[in-house]
Amino acid sequence: MNSQPWHVHVLTGDPLEQVRRRNLEEMAAGKPSKRDIFTHGPYEGRPS
């Protein structure tokens, strides 16, 4: 099974700028990247 249950969140305006600012501050401080993908629960599709 190739299940890819993506959840997409789009930021614009001030919330996007807050994320950008925080990311720049953390990179400048030498903090490691956060690239974890969190699940939103178990797979609920039909088995093949």
N, C-alpha and C. Protein backbone atom coordinates (compact mmCIF):
# COMPACT_ATOMS: atom_id res chain seq x y z
N MET A 1 0.84 -1.18 0.00
CA MET A 1 0.00 0.00 0.00
C MET A 1 0.88 1.24 0.00
N ASN A 2 0.54 2.17 -0.79
CA ASN A 2 1.23 3.46 -0.81
C ASN A 2 0.23 4.52 -0.40
N SER A 3 0.02 4.62 0.88
CA SER A 3 -0.93 5.60 1.40
C SER A 3 -0.18 6.84 1.86
N GLN A 4 -0.61 7.98 1.40
CA GLN A 4 0.03 9.23 1.77
C GLN A 4 -1.05 10.22 2.24
N PRO A 5 -1.52 10.05 3.46
CA PRO A 5 -2.60 10.90 3.97
C PRO A 5 -2.09 12.28 4.40
N TRP A 6 -1.78 13.13 3.44
CA TRP A 6 -1.19 14.43 3.75
C TRP A 6 -2.23 15.38 4.31
N HIS A 7 -1.78 16.22 5.20
CA HIS A 7 -2.57 17.33 5.73
C HIS A 7 -1.76 18.59 5.44
N VAL A 8 -2.31 19.50 4.65
CA VAL A 8 -1.58 20.68 4.23
C VAL A 8 -2.11 21.90 4.99
N HIS A 9 -1.19 22.70 5.51
CA HIS A 9 -1.54 23.93 6.20
C HIS A 9 -0.84 25.07 5.46
N VAL A 10 -1.58 26.12 5.12
CA VAL A 10 -1.02 27.25 4.39
C VAL A 10 -1.02 28.47 5.31
N LEU A 11 0.14 29.10 5.42
CA LEU A 11 0.25 30.31 6.24
C LEU A 11 0.49 31.50 5.32
N THR A 12 -0.09 32.63 5.68
CA THR A 12 0.15 33.89 4.98
C THR A 12 0.19 34.99 6.03
N GLY A 13 0.63 36.15 5.60
CA GLY A 13 0.60 37.32 6.47
C GLY A 13 1.45 37.17 7.72
N ASP A 14 0.93 37.66 8.84
CA ASP A 14 1.68 37.67 10.10
C ASP A 14 2.05 36.27 10.61
N PRO A 15 1.15 35.29 10.55
CA PRO A 15 1.57 33.95 11.00
C PRO A 15 2.76 33.41 10.21
N LEU A 16 2.80 33.64 8.91
CA LEU A 16 3.94 33.20 8.10
C LEU A 16 5.21 33.94 8.51
N GLU A 17 5.11 35.22 8.75
CA GLU A 17 6.28 36.00 9.16
C GLU A 17 6.80 35.53 10.52
N GLN A 18 5.90 35.15 11.42
CA GLN A 18 6.33 34.64 12.73
C GLN A 18 7.12 33.34 12.57
N VAL A 19 6.65 32.46 11.69
CA VAL A 19 7.36 31.20 11.46
C VAL A 19 8.72 31.48 10.83
N ARG A 20 8.76 32.37 9.85
CA ARG A 20 10.03 32.72 9.21
C ARG A 20 11.02 33.29 10.21
N ARG A 21 10.54 34.20 11.04
CA ARG A 21 11.40 34.85 12.04
C ARG A 21 11.96 33.82 13.02
N ARG A 22 11.09 32.94 13.50
CA ARG A 22 11.53 31.90 14.44
C ARG A 22 12.55 30.97 13.78
N ASN A 23 12.29 30.58 12.53
CA ASN A 23 13.24 29.70 11.84
C ASN A 23 14.60 30.37 11.68
N LEU A 24 14.63 31.64 11.31
CA LEU A 24 15.89 32.36 11.15
C LEU A 24 16.63 32.47 12.48
N GLU A 25 15.90 32.77 13.56
CA GLU A 25 16.52 32.87 14.88
C GLU A 25 17.12 31.53 15.31
N GLU A 26 16.38 30.44 15.07
CA GLU A 26 16.88 29.12 15.47
C GLU A 26 18.08 28.71 14.62
N MET A 27 18.06 29.00 13.32
CA MET A 27 19.21 28.68 12.47
C MET A 27 20.43 29.47 12.91
N ALA A 28 20.24 30.77 13.19
CA ALA A 28 21.36 31.61 13.62
C ALA A 28 21.93 31.15 14.96
N ALA A 29 21.08 30.55 15.80
CA ALA A 29 21.53 30.05 17.11
C ALA A 29 22.17 28.67 17.00
N GLY A 30 22.16 28.09 15.80
CA GLY A 30 22.78 26.79 15.59
C GLY A 30 21.94 25.60 16.03
N LYS A 31 20.64 25.82 16.21
CA LYS A 31 19.77 24.71 16.61
C LYS A 31 19.58 23.76 15.43
N PRO A 32 19.44 22.46 15.69
CA PRO A 32 19.22 21.51 14.60
C PRO A 32 17.85 21.70 13.95
N SER A 33 17.76 21.33 12.68
CA SER A 33 16.49 21.43 11.94
C SER A 33 15.45 20.51 12.53
N LYS A 34 14.19 20.91 12.41
CA LYS A 34 13.07 20.07 12.85
C LYS A 34 12.40 19.55 11.59
N ARG A 35 12.67 18.32 11.24
CA ARG A 35 12.12 17.76 10.02
C ARG A 35 11.25 16.54 10.30
N ASP A 36 10.78 16.40 11.51
CA ASP A 36 9.94 15.26 11.85
C ASP A 36 8.58 15.39 11.19
N ILE A 37 8.05 14.28 10.78
CA ILE A 37 6.70 14.23 10.23
C ILE A 37 5.84 13.55 11.27
N PHE A 38 4.87 14.25 11.77
CA PHE A 38 4.00 13.71 12.81
C PHE A 38 2.78 13.07 12.16
N THR A 39 2.35 11.94 12.68
CA THR A 39 1.18 11.27 12.14
C THR A 39 -0.07 11.84 12.77
N HIS A 40 -1.17 11.66 12.07
CA HIS A 40 -2.46 12.14 12.56
C HIS A 40 -3.36 10.97 12.92
N GLY A 41 -2.76 9.85 13.32
CA GLY A 41 -3.54 8.69 13.71
C GLY A 41 -3.29 7.51 12.79
N PRO A 42 -3.92 6.40 13.09
CA PRO A 42 -3.70 5.19 12.30
C PRO A 42 -4.34 5.28 10.92
N TYR A 43 -3.84 4.44 10.03
CA TYR A 43 -4.41 4.35 8.68
C TYR A 43 -5.83 3.81 8.77
N GLU A 44 -6.77 4.43 8.07
CA GLU A 44 -8.17 4.01 8.14
C GLU A 44 -8.70 3.56 6.80
N GLY A 45 -7.83 3.33 5.82
CA GLY A 45 -8.28 2.89 4.50
C GLY A 45 -8.54 1.40 4.44
N ARG A 46 -8.91 0.95 3.25
CA ARG A 46 -9.16 -0.49 3.06
C ARG A 46 -7.85 -1.20 2.76
N PRO A 47 -7.61 -2.34 3.37
CA PRO A 47 -6.42 -3.12 3.01
C PRO A 47 -6.62 -3.69 1.60
N SER A 48 -5.52 -3.85 0.89
CA SER A 48 -5.64 -4.37 -0.48
C SER A 48 -5.58 -5.87 -0.50
